[in-house]
Amino acid sequence: MDVKDFDYELPQELIAQTPIEPRDASRLLVMDKKTGALEHRHFYDLPDYLKPGDVLVFNDTRVIPARLHGFKTTGAHVEVFLLTRKNNTDWEVLVRPGKKLQEGAEIRFSDELSCTILSKTDFGGRIARFHFSGIFEEILDRLGETPLPPYIHEKLADSERYQTVYNRERGSAAAPTAGLHFTKELMQKIRDMGVEEVFVTLHVGLGTFRPVSEERIEDHKMHREFYTVSQEAADALNRAKAEGRRIIAVGTTSVRTLESAGADGVMKAGGNWTQIFIYPGFKFHFVDALITNFHLPQSTLIMLVSALSTRENILHAYQVAVGERYRFFSFGDAMFIKD
């Protein structure tokens, strides 16, 4: 399959620069995954498409202030973007500009924080060892910035708007943006209907937003991301599947967690790394339906949503969304790909 098969035209003015208020006032494009039939609604209408016994699966990760500004010993400014924690001191990072950054290079962020580059990674990043006095998380909260995707050019007035209302586990370099549409009141309304909530964790790293560089999508290699499924969550998901109840993933990161931990048809508890790449032809074991945002052309995410329906259905839905002036990407509107 060619990566160009997942392209579409998107006017720049449809890329949402700021979140809508309230969160659930965003528009919702509802699509039947089999027929491709479309309905235009708002996110607060989501309960109309749910029923008692359904299971909504949320990714409860929290975005860390992962962007740090520092200086090399030459005095040159660099930006260090934290991706994945390796241990108490070592992180996988992206450095911009970083092409000439060699092993042993030092970067200073403040009197209390610096790092040394240890090695290069397969994906153009670096392994950095951080030197600090005190508690790293507290220093990061003071010095770091919440990272926003490069297509968002406006400064965010409230950094909590790039967090879900149900976030719990620190560790992501980017938000699981499908969850940004939920309010606490909407979640309570859904619970009161008899819909079950399950929380899993996947810390969003490079794998989610790294572009596909290969012409054939089958040749693309995903970056590793870490996920955790509790025993309670695994039991709930196995029970729902055995009883034939719908499992609805909230966001592509929830999909990747479910289909990684349940790859053999049984949900396994625990933590692990995943490099799962989902594109048309993939056999889903746990996910029946999906709440998601609109994704970048030629991205692994538009390939994933196409796998749940068809490429033709998704590209037609995106064409309609463009025509109807939906807002796209992280702070944009949502889709419900229903079973």
C-alpha atoms as a PDB file:
ATOM      1  CA  MET A   1       0.000   0.000   0.000  1.00  0.00           C
ATOM      2  CA  ASP A   2       1.340   3.430  -0.968  1.00  0.00           C
ATOM      3  CA  VAL A   3       1.512   6.216   1.633  1.00  0.00           C
ATOM      4  CA  LYS A   4       0.051   8.578  -0.986  1.00  0.00           C
ATOM      5  CA  ASP A   5      -3.158   6.519  -0.884  1.00  0.00           C
ATOM      6  CA  PHE A   6      -3.860   8.227   2.473  1.00  0.00           C
ATOM      7  CA  ASP A   7      -3.487  11.821   1.298  1.00  0.00           C
ATOM      8  CA  TYR A   8      -6.164  14.523   1.254  1.00  0.00           C
ATOM      9  CA  GLU A   9      -6.331  18.277   0.713  1.00  0.00           C
ATOM     10  CA  LEU A  10      -6.700  20.382   3.846  1.00  0.00           C
ATOM     11  CA  PRO A  11      -6.922  24.189   3.834  1.00  0.00           C
ATOM     12  CA  GLN A  12      -4.569  25.640   6.442  1.00  0.00           C
ATOM     13  CA  GLU A  13      -7.340  27.713   8.011  1.00  0.00           C
ATOM     14  CA  LEU A  14      -9.114  24.520   9.139  1.00  0.00           C
ATOM     15  CA  ILE A  15      -6.249  23.538  11.460  1.00  0.00           C
ATOM     16  CA  ALA A  16      -7.580  24.469  14.908  1.00  0.00           C
ATOM     17  CA  GLN A  17      -5.233  26.787  16.801  1.00  0.00           C
ATOM     18  CA  THR A  18      -7.128  27.022  20.084  1.00  0.00           C
ATOM     19  CA  PRO A  19      -9.425  24.684  22.022  1.00  0.00           C
ATOM     20  CA  ILE A  20     -13.165  25.301  21.947  1.00  0.00           C
ATOM     21  CA  GLU A  21     -15.114  26.123  25.118  1.00  0.00           C
ATOM     22  CA  PRO A  22     -16.681  24.199  26.667  1.00  0.00           C
ATOM     23  CA  ARG A  23     -14.774  21.060  25.728  1.00  0.00           C
ATOM     24  CA  ASP A  24     -17.835  19.086  24.601  1.00  0.00           C
ATOM     25  CA  ALA A  25     -19.124  21.878  22.322  1.00  0.00           C
ATOM     26  CA  SER A  26     -16.912  20.627  19.497  1.00  0.00           C
ATOM     27  CA  ARG A  27     -18.613  19.130  16.471  1.00  0.00           C
ATOM     28  CA  LEU A  28     -18.922  15.362  16.090  1.00  0.00           C
ATOM     29  CA  LEU A  29     -18.948  13.604  12.726  1.00  0.00           C
ATOM     30  CA  VAL A  30     -20.608  10.221  13.283  1.00  0.00           C
ATOM     31  CA  MET A  31     -19.723   7.548  10.731  1.00  0.00           C
ATOM     32  CA  ASP A  32     -21.032   4.009  10.377  1.00  0.00           C
ATOM     33  CA  LYS A  33     -17.864   1.969   9.948  1.00  0.00           C
ATOM     34  CA  LYS A  34     -19.507  -0.534   7.595  1.00  0.00           C
ATOM     35  CA  THR A  35     -21.577   1.700   5.314  1.00  0.00           C
ATOM     36  CA  GLY A  36     -19.715   4.995   5.674  1.00  0.00           C
ATOM     37  CA  ALA A  37     -23.021   6.816   6.332  1.00  0.00           C
ATOM     38  CA  LEU A  38     -22.465  10.173   8.044  1.00  0.00           C
ATOM     39  CA  GLU A  39     -24.306  12.329  10.592  1.00  0.00           C
ATOM     40  CA  HIS A  40     -23.381  15.817  11.778  1.00  0.00           C
ATOM     41  CA  ARG A  41     -23.731  16.301  15.532  1.00  0.00           C
ATOM     42  CA  HIS A  42     -21.930  17.842  18.524  1.00  0.00           C
ATOM     43  CA  PHE A  43     -19.775  16.023  21.029  1.00  0.00           C
ATOM     44  CA  TYR A  44     -22.312  16.540  23.815  1.00  0.00           C
ATOM     45  CA  ASP A  45     -24.633  14.337  21.698  1.00  0.00           C
ATOM     46  CA  LEU A  46     -22.319  11.330  22.157  1.00  0.00           C
ATOM     47  CA  PRO A  47     -24.654   9.661  24.737  1.00  0.00           C
ATOM     48  CA  ASP A  48     -27.252   9.292  21.934  1.00  0.00           C
ATOM     49  CA  TYR A  49     -24.949   6.689  20.389  1.00  0.00           C
ATOM     50  CA  LEU A  50     -24.129   4.756  23.556  1.00  0.00           C
ATOM     51  CA  LYS A  51     -26.096   2.094  25.396  1.00  0.00           C
ATOM     52  CA  PRO A  52     -25.931   0.348  28.787  1.00  0.00           C
ATOM     53  CA  GLY A  53     -23.176  -2.263  28.842  1.00  0.00           C
ATOM     54  CA  ASP A  54     -20.909  -0.423  26.413  1.00  0.00           C
ATOM     55  CA  VAL A  55     -17.308  -0.027  27.579  1.00  0.00           C
ATOM     56  CA  LEU A  56     -15.442   3.228  26.983  1.00  0.00           C
ATOM     57  CA  VAL A  57     -11.651   2.829  27.204  1.00  0.00           C
ATOM     58  CA  PHE A  58      -9.697   5.981  28.135  1.00  0.00           C
ATOM     59  CA  ASN A  59      -5.940   6.618  28.119  1.00  0.00           C
ATOM     60  CA  ASP A  60      -5.251   8.328  31.463  1.00  0.00           C
ATOM     61  CA  THR A  61      -1.732   9.558  30.661  1.00  0.00           C
ATOM     62  CA  ARG A  62      -0.714  13.100  31.596  1.00  0.00           C
ATOM     63  CA  VAL A  63       1.463  15.313  29.402  1.00  0.00           C
ATOM     64  CA  ILE A  64       4.653  16.419  31.097  1.00  0.00           C
ATOM     65  CA  PRO A  65       6.272  19.834  30.436  1.00  0.00           C
ATOM     66  CA  ALA A  66       8.606  18.051  28.029  1.00  0.00           C
ATOM     67  CA  ARG A  67      10.116  21.013  26.132  1.00  0.00           C
ATOM     68  CA  LEU A  68      13.299  22.444  27.641  1.00  0.00           C
ATOM     69  CA  HIS A  69      15.378  25.383  26.381  1.00  0.00           C
ATOM     70  CA  GLY A  70      19.124  25.134  26.928  1.00  0.00           C
ATOM     71  CA  PHE A  71      22.546  26.168  25.674  1.00  0.00           C
ATOM     72  CA  LYS A  72      25.496  24.180  24.402  1.00  0.00           C
ATOM     73  CA  THR A  73      29.004  24.996  25.647  1.00  0.00           C
ATOM     74  CA  THR A  74      29.439  27.071  22.469  1.00  0.00           C
ATOM     75  CA  GLY A  75      26.586  29.291  23.635  1.00  0.00           C
ATOM     76  CA  ALA A  76      24.243  28.085  20.884  1.00  0.00           C
ATOM     77  CA  HIS A  77      20.586  27.740  21.898  1.00  0.00           C
ATOM     78  CA  VAL A  78      18.969  24.282  21.589  1.00  0.00           C
ATOM     79  CA  GLU A  79      15.551  22.874  22.361  1.00  0.00           C
ATOM     80  CA  VAL A  80      15.409  19.479  24.079  1.00  0.00           C
ATOM     81  CA  PHE A  81      12.197  17.521  23.828  1.00  0.00           C
ATOM     82  CA  LEU A  82      11.766  14.672  26.351  1.00  0.00           C
ATOM     83  CA  LEU A  83      10.288  11.527  24.789  1.00  0.00           C
ATOM     84  CA  THR A  84      10.772   8.411  26.918  1.00  0.00           C
ATOM     85  CA  ARG A  85      12.255   7.964  30.364  1.00  0.00           C
ATOM     86  CA  LYS A  86      14.821   5.154  30.589  1.00  0.00           C
ATOM     87  CA  ASN A  87      15.646   5.351  34.300  1.00  0.00           C
ATOM     88  CA  ASN A  88      16.030   7.952  37.045  1.00  0.00           C
ATOM     89  CA  THR A  89      18.543  10.052  35.059  1.00  0.00           C
ATOM     90  CA  ASP A  90      18.414   8.965  31.405  1.00  0.00           C
ATOM     91  CA  TRP A  91      15.854   9.978  28.763  1.00  0.00           C
ATOM     92  CA  GLU A  92      15.381   9.491  25.071  1.00  0.00           C
ATOM     93  CA  VAL A  93      15.146  13.006  23.643  1.00  0.00           C
ATOM     94  CA  LEU A  94      14.929  14.991  20.432  1.00  0.00           C
ATOM     95  CA  VAL A  95      17.284  17.958  20.134  1.00  0.00           C
ATOM     96  CA  ARG A  96      16.663  20.834  17.742  1.00  0.00           C
ATOM     97  CA  PRO A  97      18.914  21.770  16.049  1.00  0.00           C
ATOM     98  CA  GLY A  98      20.727  18.530  16.740  1.00  0.00           C
ATOM     99  CA  LYS A  99      22.308  17.164  13.559  1.00  0.00           C
ATOM    100  CA  LYS A 100      25.844  17.981  14.709  1.00  0.00           C
ATOM    101  CA  LEU A 101      25.295  17.076  18.357  1.00  0.00           C
ATOM    102  CA  GLN A 102      27.813  14.379  19.251  1.00  0.00           C
ATOM    103  CA  GLU A 103      28.254  11.988  22.171  1.00  0.00           C
ATOM    104  CA  GLY A 104      29.657  13.780  25.192  1.00  0.00           C
ATOM    105  CA  ALA A 105      28.072  17.133  24.338  1.00  0.00           C
ATOM    106  CA  GLU A 106      26.833  19.116  27.324  1.00  0.00           C
ATOM    107  CA  ILE A 107      23.626  21.152  27.467  1.00  0.00           C
ATOM    108  CA  ARG A 108      22.826  23.494  30.366  1.00  0.00           C
ATOM    109  CA  PHE A 109      19.262  24.546  31.181  1.00  0.00           C
ATOM    110  CA  SER A 110      19.827  26.292  34.530  1.00  0.00           C
ATOM    111  CA  ASP A 111      22.104  26.176  37.549  1.00  0.00           C
ATOM    112  CA  GLU A 112      20.157  23.153  38.786  1.00  0.00           C
ATOM    113  CA  LEU A 113      19.724  21.183  35.540  1.00  0.00           C
ATOM    114  CA  SER A 114      21.985  20.058  32.693  1.00  0.00           C
ATOM    115  CA  CYS A 115      22.452  16.967  30.566  1.00  0.00           C
ATOM    116  CA  THR A 116      25.130  15.007  28.714  1.00  0.00           C
ATOM    117  CA  ILE A 117      24.471  13.315  25.371  1.00  0.00           C
ATOM    118  CA  LEU A 118      25.287   9.600  25.696  1.00  0.00           C
ATOM    119  CA  SER A 119      24.416   8.173  22.287  1.00  0.00           C
ATOM    120  CA  LYS A 120      22.279   8.443  19.158  1.00  0.00           C
ATOM    121  CA  THR A 121      19.091   6.464  18.533  1.00  0.00           C
ATOM    122  CA  ASP A 122      17.777   4.733  15.427  1.00  0.00           C
ATOM    123  CA  PHE A 123      15.091   7.383  14.959  1.00  0.00           C
ATOM    124  CA  GLY A 124      17.236  10.514  14.909  1.00  0.00           C
ATOM    125  CA  GLY A 125      17.033  11.160  18.638  1.00  0.00           C
ATOM    126  CA  ARG A 126      19.572  11.015  21.450  1.00  0.00           C
ATOM    127  CA  ILE A 127      19.938   9.348  24.822  1.00  0.00           C
ATOM    128  CA  ALA A 128      20.672  12.080  27.375  1.00  0.00           C
ATOM    129  CA  ARG A 129      21.753  11.778  31.006  1.00  0.00           C
ATOM    130  CA  PHE A 130      20.373  14.557  33.189  1.00  0.00           C
ATOM    131  CA  HIS A 131      22.283  16.053  36.107  1.00  0.00           C
ATOM    132  CA  PHE A 132      20.247  17.813  38.754  1.00  0.00           C
ATOM    133  CA  SER A 133      20.024  18.588  42.428  1.00  0.00           C
ATOM    134  CA  GLY A 134      16.652  17.976  44.016  1.00  0.00           C
ATOM    135  CA  ILE A 135      13.588  16.292  42.543  1.00  0.00           C
ATOM    136  CA  PHE A 136      13.630  16.074  38.747  1.00  0.00           C
ATOM    137  CA  GLU A 137       9.846  16.375  38.335  1.00  0.00           C
ATOM    138  CA  GLU A 138       9.746  19.575  40.398  1.00  0.00           C
ATOM    139  CA  ILE A 139      12.587  21.095  38.368  1.00  0.00           C
ATOM    140  CA  LEU A 140      10.840  20.084  35.130  1.00  0.00           C
ATOM    141  CA  ASP A 141       7.615  21.715  36.296  1.00  0.00           C
ATOM    142  CA  ARG A 142       9.531  24.971  36.810  1.00  0.00           C
ATOM    143  CA  LEU A 143      11.672  24.976  33.666  1.00  0.00           C
ATOM    144  CA  GLY A 144       9.757  22.951  31.113  1.00  0.00           C
ATOM    145  CA  GLU A 145       7.005  23.978  28.731  1.00  0.00           C
ATOM    146  CA  THR A 146       3.976  21.954  27.681  1.00  0.00           C
ATOM    147  CA  PRO A 147       4.794  20.818  24.146  1.00  0.00           C
ATOM    148  CA  LEU A 148       2.232  21.617  21.466  1.00  0.00           C
ATOM    149  CA  PRO A 149       2.294  20.105  17.968  1.00  0.00           C
ATOM    150  CA  PRO A 150       4.221  22.145  15.361  1.00  0.00           C
ATOM    151  CA  TYR A 151       1.042  23.017  13.439  1.00  0.00           C
ATOM    152  CA  ILE A 152      -0.292  24.980  16.455  1.00  0.00           C
ATOM    153  CA  HIS A 153       1.198  28.475  16.361  1.00  0.00           C
ATOM    154  CA  GLU A 154      -0.809  30.243  19.053  1.00  0.00           C
ATOM    155  CA  LYS A 155       0.299  30.152  22.682  1.00  0.00           C
ATOM    156  CA  LEU A 156      -2.041  28.234  24.959  1.00  0.00           C
ATOM    157  CA  ALA A 157      -3.500  30.459  27.691  1.00  0.00           C
ATOM    158  CA  ASP A 158      -4.162  27.526  30.052  1.00  0.00           C
ATOM    159  CA  SER A 159      -1.841  24.511  29.764  1.00  0.00           C
ATOM    160  CA  GLU A 160      -4.508  22.301  31.388  1.00  0.00           C
ATOM    161  CA  ARG A 161      -6.520  22.582  28.155  1.00  0.00           C
ATOM    162  CA  TYR A 162      -3.909  20.278  26.613  1.00  0.00           C
ATOM    163  CA  GLN A 163      -4.716  17.695  29.306  1.00  0.00           C
ATOM    164  CA  THR A 164      -7.741  15.435  29.585  1.00  0.00           C
ATOM    165  CA  VAL A 165      -9.979  15.942  32.634  1.00  0.00           C
ATOM    166  CA  TYR A 166      -9.238  12.342  33.683  1.00  0.00           C
ATOM    167  CA  ASN A 167      -5.416  12.371  33.402  1.00  0.00           C
ATOM    168  CA  ARG A 168      -3.565  10.539  36.172  1.00  0.00           C
ATOM    169  CA  GLU A 169      -0.220   9.082  35.055  1.00  0.00           C
ATOM    170  CA  ARG A 170       2.608  11.490  34.148  1.00  0.00           C
ATOM    171  CA  GLY A 171       4.742  10.558  31.171  1.00  0.00           C
ATOM    172  CA  SER A 172       3.457  11.706  27.756  1.00  0.00           C
ATOM    173  CA  ALA A 173       5.172  13.975  25.269  1.00  0.00           C
ATOM    174  CA  ALA A 174       1.805  14.713  23.622  1.00  0.00           C
ATOM    175  CA  ALA A 175      -1.839  14.561  24.663  1.00  0.00           C
ATOM    176  CA  PRO A 176      -4.257  11.749  23.756  1.00  0.00           C
ATOM    177  CA  THR A 177      -6.334  14.397  22.020  1.00  0.00           C
ATOM    178  CA  ALA A 178      -9.598  12.487  21.449  1.00  0.00           C
ATOM    179  CA  GLY A 179     -10.079  12.673  25.211  1.00  0.00           C
ATOM    180  CA  LEU A 180      -9.869  16.473  25.255  1.00  0.00           C
ATOM    181  CA  HIS A 181     -13.579  16.660  24.288  1.00  0.00           C
ATOM    182  CA  PHE A 182     -14.810  15.036  27.509  1.00  0.00           C
ATOM    183  CA  THR A 183     -15.995  17.094  30.464  1.00  0.00           C
ATOM    184  CA  LYS A 184     -16.498  15.664  33.948  1.00  0.00           C
ATOM    185  CA  GLU A 185     -20.228  16.323  33.591  1.00  0.00           C
ATOM    186  CA  LEU A 186     -20.429  14.419  30.292  1.00  0.00           C
ATOM    187  CA  MET A 187     -18.525  11.491  31.793  1.00  0.00           C
ATOM    188  CA  GLN A 188     -20.929  11.400  34.733  1.00  0.00           C
ATOM    189  CA  LYS A 189     -23.901  11.418  32.363  1.00  0.00           C
ATOM    190  CA  ILE A 190     -22.416   8.479  30.463  1.00  0.00           C
ATOM    191  CA  ARG A 191     -21.748   6.568  33.707  1.00  0.00           C
ATOM    192  CA  ASP A 192     -25.337   7.163  34.807  1.00  0.00           C
ATOM    193  CA  MET A 193     -26.501   5.499  31.562  1.00  0.00           C
ATOM    194  CA  GLY A 194     -24.804   2.255  32.589  1.00  0.00           C
ATOM    195  CA  VAL A 195     -21.764   2.643  30.347  1.00  0.00           C
ATOM    196  CA  GLU A 196     -18.635   1.138  31.898  1.00  0.00           C
ATOM    197  CA  GLU A 197     -15.372   3.109  32.074  1.00  0.00           C
ATOM    198  CA  VAL A 198     -11.981   1.422  31.784  1.00  0.00           C
ATOM    199  CA  PHE A 199      -8.670   3.263  32.072  1.00  0.00           C
ATOM    200  CA  VAL A 200      -5.404   2.156  30.477  1.00  0.00           C
ATOM    201  CA  THR A 201      -2.145   4.072  30.094  1.00  0.00           C
ATOM    202  CA  LEU A 202       0.011   4.661  27.041  1.00  0.00           C
ATOM    203  CA  HIS A 203       2.653   7.358  27.291  1.00  0.00           C
ATOM    204  CA  VAL A 204       2.551   9.111  23.943  1.00  0.00           C
ATOM    205  CA  GLY A 205       5.999   9.414  22.387  1.00  0.00           C
ATOM    206  CA  LEU A 206       7.573   9.731  18.977  1.00  0.00           C
ATOM    207  CA  GLY A 207       5.611   6.796  17.534  1.00  0.00           C
ATOM    208  CA  THR A 208       2.348   8.673  17.447  1.00  0.00           C
ATOM    209  CA  PHE A 209       3.482  11.741  15.510  1.00  0.00           C
ATOM    210  CA  ARG A 210       6.561  10.570  13.580  1.00  0.00           C
ATOM    211  CA  PRO A 211       5.839  10.939   9.840  1.00  0.00           C
ATOM    212  CA  VAL A 212       5.894   7.969   7.480  1.00  0.00           C
ATOM    213  CA  SER A 213       9.119   8.290   5.512  1.00  0.00           C
ATOM    214  CA  GLU A 214       8.761   5.153   3.383  1.00  0.00           C
ATOM    215  CA  GLU A 215       6.789   5.091   0.129  1.00  0.00           C
ATOM    216  CA  ARG A 216       5.247   1.720   1.012  1.00  0.00           C
ATOM    217  CA  ILE A 217       3.526   1.825   4.382  1.00  0.00           C
ATOM    218  CA  GLU A 218       4.464  -1.813   5.016  1.00  0.00           C
ATOM    219  CA  ASP A 219       8.121  -0.687   5.212  1.00  0.00           C
ATOM    220  CA  HIS A 220       7.486   1.891   7.958  1.00  0.00           C
ATOM    221  CA  LYS A 221       8.828   1.083  11.426  1.00  0.00           C
ATOM    222  CA  MET A 222       6.997   2.477  14.453  1.00  0.00           C
ATOM    223  CA  HIS A 223       8.846   3.923  17.432  1.00  0.00           C
ATOM    224  CA  ARG A 224       8.373   2.180  20.783  1.00  0.00           C
ATOM    225  CA  GLU A 225       5.880   3.502  23.338  1.00  0.00           C
ATOM    226  CA  PHE A 226       5.186   2.131  26.820  1.00  0.00           C
ATOM    227  CA  TYR A 227       1.715   1.048  27.933  1.00  0.00           C
ATOM    228  CA  THR A 228       0.190  -0.364  31.116  1.00  0.00           C
ATOM    229  CA  VAL A 229      -3.031  -2.321  31.629  1.00  0.00           C
ATOM    230  CA  SER A 230      -4.077  -2.996  35.222  1.00  0.00           C
ATOM    231  CA  GLN A 231      -5.475  -6.368  36.287  1.00  0.00           C
ATOM    232  CA  GLU A 232      -8.801  -4.666  36.976  1.00  0.00           C
ATOM    233  CA  ALA A 233      -8.897  -3.223  33.451  1.00  0.00           C
ATOM    234  CA  ALA A 234      -7.887  -6.528  31.846  1.00  0.00           C
ATOM    235  CA  ASP A 235     -10.607  -8.397  33.752  1.00  0.00           C
ATOM    236  CA  ALA A 236     -13.253  -5.845  32.762  1.00  0.00           C
ATOM    237  CA  LEU A 237     -12.266  -5.991  29.090  1.00  0.00           C
ATOM    238  CA  ASN A 238     -12.140  -9.794  28.953  1.00  0.00           C
ATOM    239  CA  ARG A 239     -15.543  -9.929  30.654  1.00  0.00           C
ATOM    240  CA  ALA A 240     -17.046  -7.427  28.201  1.00  0.00           C
ATOM    241  CA  LYS A 241     -15.694  -9.324  25.232  1.00  0.00           C
ATOM    242  CA  ALA A 242     -16.996 -12.648  26.525  1.00  0.00           C
ATOM    243  CA  GLU A 243     -20.428 -11.077  27.002  1.00  0.00           C
ATOM    244  CA  GLY A 244     -20.454  -9.564  23.513  1.00  0.00           C
ATOM    245  CA  ARG A 245     -20.591  -5.954  24.730  1.00  0.00           C
ATOM    246  CA  ARG A 246     -19.186  -3.113  22.616  1.00  0.00           C
ATOM    247  CA  ILE A 247     -15.678  -1.917  23.411  1.00  0.00           C
ATOM    248  CA  ILE A 248     -15.237   1.701  22.319  1.00  0.00           C
ATOM    249  CA  ALA A 249     -11.726   3.141  22.328  1.00  0.00           C
ATOM    250  CA  VAL A 250     -11.299   6.810  23.137  1.00  0.00           C
ATOM    251  CA  GLY A 251      -8.436   7.781  20.855  1.00  0.00           C
ATOM    252  CA  THR A 252      -5.880   5.960  18.762  1.00  0.00           C
ATOM    253  CA  THR A 253      -3.546   5.500  21.751  1.00  0.00           C
ATOM    254  CA  SER A 254      -6.254   3.468  23.499  1.00  0.00           C
ATOM    255  CA  VAL A 255      -6.601   1.399  20.309  1.00  0.00           C
ATOM    256  CA  ARG A 256      -2.874   0.722  20.221  1.00  0.00           C
ATOM    257  CA  THR A 257      -2.881  -0.285  23.886  1.00  0.00           C
ATOM    258  CA  LEU A 258      -5.868  -2.616  23.546  1.00  0.00           C
ATOM    259  CA  GLU A 259      -4.627  -4.303  20.388  1.00  0.00           C
ATOM    260  CA  SER A 260      -1.105  -4.695  21.814  1.00  0.00           C
ATOM    261  CA  ALA A 261      -2.101  -6.093  25.204  1.00  0.00           C
ATOM    262  CA  GLY A 262      -4.870  -8.203  23.635  1.00  0.00           C
ATOM    263  CA  ALA A 263      -3.023  -9.328  20.516  1.00  0.00           C
ATOM    264  CA  ASP A 264      -3.922 -12.996  20.983  1.00  0.00           C
ATOM    265  CA  GLY A 265      -7.572 -12.301  21.798  1.00  0.00           C
ATOM    266  CA  VAL A 266      -7.134 -12.246  25.583  1.00  0.00           C
ATOM    267  CA  MET A 267      -6.368  -9.005  27.403  1.00  0.00           C
ATOM    268  CA  LYS A 268      -3.205  -9.329  29.475  1.00  0.00           C
ATOM    269  CA  ALA A 269      -2.443  -7.158  32.486  1.00  0.00           C
ATOM    270  CA  GLY A 270       0.941  -5.536  32.940  1.00  0.00           C
ATOM    271  CA  GLY A 271       3.261  -3.085  31.244  1.00  0.00           C
ATOM    272  CA  ASN A 272       5.130  -3.481  27.978  1.00  0.00           C
ATOM    273  CA  TRP A 273       6.546  -1.667  24.984  1.00  0.00           C
ATOM    274  CA  THR A 274       4.624  -1.590  21.733  1.00  0.00           C
ATOM    275  CA  GLN A 275       5.602  -0.878  18.143  1.00  0.00           C
ATOM    276  CA  ILE A 276       2.232  -1.930  16.762  1.00  0.00           C
ATOM    277  CA  PHE A 277       1.414  -0.415  13.364  1.00  0.00           C
ATOM    278  CA  ILE A 278      -2.259  -0.647  12.442  1.00  0.00           C
ATOM    279  CA  TYR A 279      -3.294  -0.136   8.825  1.00  0.00           C
ATOM    280  CA  PRO A 280      -5.964  -1.623   6.495  1.00  0.00           C
ATOM    281  CA  GLY A 281      -5.998  -5.389   6.654  1.00  0.00           C
ATOM    282  CA  PHE A 282      -5.346  -5.435  10.414  1.00  0.00           C
ATOM    283  CA  LYS A 283      -7.516  -7.851  12.419  1.00  0.00           C
ATOM    284  CA  PHE A 284      -8.944  -6.161  15.519  1.00  0.00           C
ATOM    285  CA  HIS A 285      -9.359  -8.316  18.619  1.00  0.00           C
ATOM    286  CA  PHE A 286     -10.869  -5.836  21.079  1.00  0.00           C
ATOM    287  CA  VAL A 287     -11.861  -2.543  19.479  1.00  0.00           C
ATOM    288  CA  ASP A 288     -15.379  -2.332  18.044  1.00  0.00           C
ATOM    289  CA  ALA A 289     -15.763   1.439  17.708  1.00  0.00           C
ATOM    290  CA  LEU A 290     -13.617   4.542  18.069  1.00  0.00           C
ATOM    291  CA  ILE A 291     -13.852   8.152  19.207  1.00  0.00           C
ATOM    292  CA  THR A 292     -11.078  10.080  17.505  1.00  0.00           C
ATOM    293  CA  ASN A 293      -9.971  13.409  16.093  1.00  0.00           C
ATOM    294  CA  PHE A 294      -9.179  14.216  12.462  1.00  0.00           C
ATOM    295  CA  HIS A 295      -5.625  13.243  11.575  1.00  0.00           C
ATOM    296  CA  LEU A 296      -2.819  14.499   9.368  1.00  0.00           C
ATOM    297  CA  PRO A 297      -2.632  13.409   5.719  1.00  0.00           C
ATOM    298  CA  GLN A 298      -0.397  10.359   5.122  1.00  0.00           C
ATOM    299  CA  SER A 299      -0.007   9.771   8.887  1.00  0.00           C
ATOM    300  CA  THR A 300      -0.007   6.441  10.721  1.00  0.00           C
ATOM    301  CA  LEU A 301      -3.145   7.647  12.515  1.00  0.00           C
ATOM    302  CA  ILE A 302      -5.253   8.087   9.380  1.00  0.00           C
ATOM    303  CA  MET A 303      -4.076   4.595   8.400  1.00  0.00           C
ATOM    304  CA  LEU A 304      -5.236   3.259  11.781  1.00  0.00           C
ATOM    305  CA  VAL A 305      -8.736   4.730  11.508  1.00  0.00           C
ATOM    306  CA  SER A 306      -8.953   3.438   7.926  1.00  0.00           C
ATOM    307  CA  ALA A 307      -8.233  -0.057   9.238  1.00  0.00           C
ATOM    308  CA  LEU A 308     -11.309   0.095  11.476  1.00  0.00           C
ATOM    309  CA  SER A 309     -13.506   1.015   8.504  1.00  0.00           C
ATOM    310  CA  THR A 310     -12.118   1.378   4.974  1.00  0.00           C
ATOM    311  CA  ARG A 311      -9.751   3.841   3.363  1.00  0.00           C
ATOM    312  CA  GLU A 312     -12.529   4.927   1.010  1.00  0.00           C
ATOM    313  CA  ASN A 313     -15.001   5.583   3.848  1.00  0.00           C
ATOM    314  CA  ILE A 314     -12.469   7.597   5.853  1.00  0.00           C
ATOM    315  CA  LEU A 315     -11.247   9.718   2.943  1.00  0.00           C
ATOM    316  CA  HIS A 316     -14.849  10.438   1.933  1.00  0.00           C
ATOM    317  CA  ALA A 317     -15.663  11.458   5.528  1.00  0.00           C
ATOM    318  CA  TYR A 318     -12.619  13.752   5.595  1.00  0.00           C
ATOM    319  CA  GLN A 319     -13.657  15.297   2.268  1.00  0.00           C
ATOM    320  CA  VAL A 320     -17.124  15.989   3.705  1.00  0.00           C
ATOM    321  CA  ALA A 321     -15.577  17.388   6.917  1.00  0.00           C
ATOM    322  CA  VAL A 322     -13.436  19.790   4.895  1.00  0.00           C
ATOM    323  CA  GLY A 323     -16.490  20.886   2.909  1.00  0.00           C
ATOM    324  CA  GLU A 324     -18.456  21.429   6.133  1.00  0.00           C
ATOM    325  CA  ARG A 325     -15.597  23.420   7.667  1.00  0.00           C
ATOM    326  CA  TYR A 326     -14.864  21.081  10.554  1.00  0.00           C
ATOM    327  CA  ARG A 327     -11.824  21.975  12.676  1.00  0.00           C
ATOM    328  CA  PHE A 328      -8.870  19.592  12.323  1.00  0.00           C
ATOM    329  CA  PHE A 329      -6.143  18.005  14.468  1.00  0.00           C
ATOM    330  CA  SER A 330      -5.380  18.294  18.195  1.00  0.00           C
ATOM    331  CA  PHE A 331      -7.746  21.139  19.158  1.00  0.00           C
ATOM    332  CA  GLY A 332     -10.218  20.325  16.400  1.00  0.00           C
ATOM    333  CA  ASP A 333     -13.500  18.465  16.142  1.00  0.00           C
ATOM    334  CA  ALA A 334     -14.132  14.741  16.639  1.00  0.00           C
ATOM    335  CA  MET A 335     -15.336  11.633  14.844  1.00  0.00           C
ATOM    336  CA  PHE A 336     -17.238   8.675  16.225  1.00  0.00           C
ATOM    337  CA  ILE A 337     -16.629   5.627  14.054  1.00  0.00           C
ATOM    338  CA  LYS A 338     -19.514   3.486  15.259  1.00  0.00           C
ATOM    339  CA  ASP A 339     -20.122  -0.229  15.038  1.00  0.00           C
END
